[in-house]
Amino acid sequence: MRRRNTEHTKRLLARNLRRLRLQREWSQDDLAGAAGVRQALVSALEVTTSNPTLESLDKIAAALDVEVADLLVPTGKTKADLPVANIPPDGRGAKQTRHRRVGASRR
């Protein structure tokens, strides 16, 4: 199994935590109060300067009404995560155009 980069995991946690918190229109203090953790921990997690305990992650996930795993899963990378307006109605990708290479001679 491939070893993960811990900085990558911290960034995933930070992005997901912030996204979920803002979806609920909560401040960091609101989330900390609901989870029973310090606001400083929420802040440190969102700027990737803290390694949380499993207990802290569990409290935060419970306050956000999600699973702990949801805090660590990449989002926004599948077609299902895109807003409907960005998907062409015919289901095909954007129109492709041909570009001439820089420095290539014209025929």
Protein backbone atom coordinates (compact mmCIF):
# COMPACT_ATOMS: atom_id res chain seq x y z
CA MET A 1 0.00 0.00 0.00
CA ARG A 2 1.25 3.45 -0.89
CA ARG A 3 2.28 5.66 2.02
CA ARG A 4 0.31 8.90 2.28
CA ASN A 5 1.83 12.30 2.74
CA THR A 6 0.65 13.61 6.14
CA GLU A 7 0.57 17.20 4.84
CA HIS A 8 -1.91 16.10 2.17
CA THR A 9 -4.13 14.53 4.85
CA LYS A 10 -3.93 17.68 7.00
CA ARG A 11 -4.98 19.83 4.02
CA LEU A 12 -7.94 17.52 3.29
CA LEU A 13 -9.04 17.77 6.91
CA ALA A 14 -8.64 21.55 6.93
CA ARG A 15 -10.62 22.05 3.71
CA ASN A 16 -13.43 19.69 4.69
CA LEU A 17 -13.69 21.04 8.21
CA ARG A 18 -13.91 24.64 7.00
CA ARG A 19 -16.37 23.75 4.22
CA LEU A 20 -18.69 21.86 6.57
CA ARG A 21 -18.47 24.58 9.21
CA LEU A 22 -19.27 27.36 6.73
CA GLN A 23 -22.16 25.36 5.21
CA ARG A 24 -23.76 25.56 8.63
CA GLU A 25 -22.86 29.26 8.89
CA TRP A 26 -20.94 28.54 12.11
CA SER A 27 -17.96 30.44 13.44
CA GLN A 28 -15.00 28.49 14.75
CA ASP A 29 -16.26 29.30 18.24
CA ASP A 30 -19.72 27.90 17.39
CA LEU A 31 -18.19 24.62 16.21
CA ALA A 32 -15.88 24.42 19.22
CA GLY A 33 -18.83 24.92 21.58
CA ALA A 34 -20.95 22.30 19.84
CA ALA A 35 -18.07 19.80 19.83
CA GLY A 36 -16.80 20.50 23.33
CA VAL A 37 -13.28 21.40 22.15
CA ARG A 38 -11.29 24.62 22.31
CA GLN A 39 -11.69 27.21 19.55
CA ALA A 40 -7.89 27.25 19.25
CA LEU A 41 -7.99 23.58 18.16
CA VAL A 42 -10.56 24.30 15.42
CA SER A 43 -8.41 27.19 14.22
CA ALA A 44 -5.22 25.10 14.28
CA LEU A 45 -6.90 22.30 12.32
CA GLU A 46 -8.11 24.72 9.66
CA VAL A 47 -4.59 26.10 9.15
CA THR A 48 -2.97 22.61 9.30
CA THR A 49 -0.81 23.30 12.38
CA SER A 50 -2.33 20.63 14.64
CA ASN A 51 -2.52 16.85 14.73
CA PRO A 52 -5.89 16.06 16.30
CA THR A 53 -6.60 13.08 18.48
CA LEU A 54 -9.17 10.57 17.33
CA GLU A 55 -11.34 11.69 20.24
CA SER A 56 -11.23 15.32 19.02
CA LEU A 57 -12.08 14.29 15.45
CA ASP A 58 -14.96 12.19 16.74
CA LYS A 59 -16.36 15.11 18.75
CA ILE A 60 -16.04 17.49 15.78
CA ALA A 61 -17.61 15.01 13.36
CA ALA A 62 -20.51 14.42 15.76
CA ALA A 63 -21.08 18.18 16.11
CA LEU A 64 -21.13 18.50 12.30
CA ASP A 65 -23.39 15.42 12.02
CA VAL A 66 -20.95 13.59 9.72
CA GLU A 67 -18.73 10.52 10.00
CA VAL A 68 -15.07 10.98 10.90
CA ALA A 69 -14.19 9.55 7.48
CA ASP A 70 -16.11 12.41 5.82
CA LEU A 71 -13.57 14.83 7.28
CA LEU A 72 -10.76 13.08 5.38
CA VAL A 73 -12.32 12.28 2.00
CA PRO A 74 -11.42 14.41 -1.04
CA THR A 75 -14.40 16.30 -2.46
CA GLY A 76 -15.10 18.20 -5.65
CA LYS A 77 -13.19 15.85 -7.94
CA THR A 78 -16.05 13.95 -9.52
CA LYS A 79 -18.66 15.04 -12.04
CA ALA A 80 -21.35 14.50 -9.39
CA ASP A 81 -19.71 17.18 -7.22
CA LEU A 82 -19.85 19.84 -9.95
CA PRO A 83 -22.71 22.34 -10.04
CA VAL A 84 -25.32 21.38 -12.64
CA ALA A 85 -24.66 24.60 -14.62
CA ASN A 86 -21.10 23.43 -15.42
CA ILE A 87 -22.19 20.21 -17.12
CA PRO A 88 -23.16 20.64 -20.79
CA PRO A 89 -26.74 19.54 -21.55
CA ASP A 90 -25.59 17.05 -24.21
CA GLY A 91 -23.35 15.32 -21.66
CA ARG A 92 -20.22 15.85 -23.77
CA GLY A 93 -17.20 17.85 -22.70
CA ALA A 94 -16.41 21.38 -23.75
CA LYS A 95 -15.88 22.04 -27.46
CA GLN A 96 -12.35 21.20 -28.44
CA THR A 97 -10.38 23.56 -30.67
CA ARG A 98 -7.16 23.01 -32.54
CA HIS A 99 -4.25 25.22 -31.64
CA ARG A 100 -1.16 25.82 -33.65
CA ARG A 101 2.06 25.10 -31.80
CA VAL A 102 4.16 28.12 -31.03
CA GLY A 103 6.95 28.35 -33.57
CA ALA A 104 5.29 25.93 -35.99
CA SER A 105 5.24 27.00 -39.58
CA ARG A 106 1.95 27.50 -41.41
CA ARG A 107 1.21 25.20 -44.30
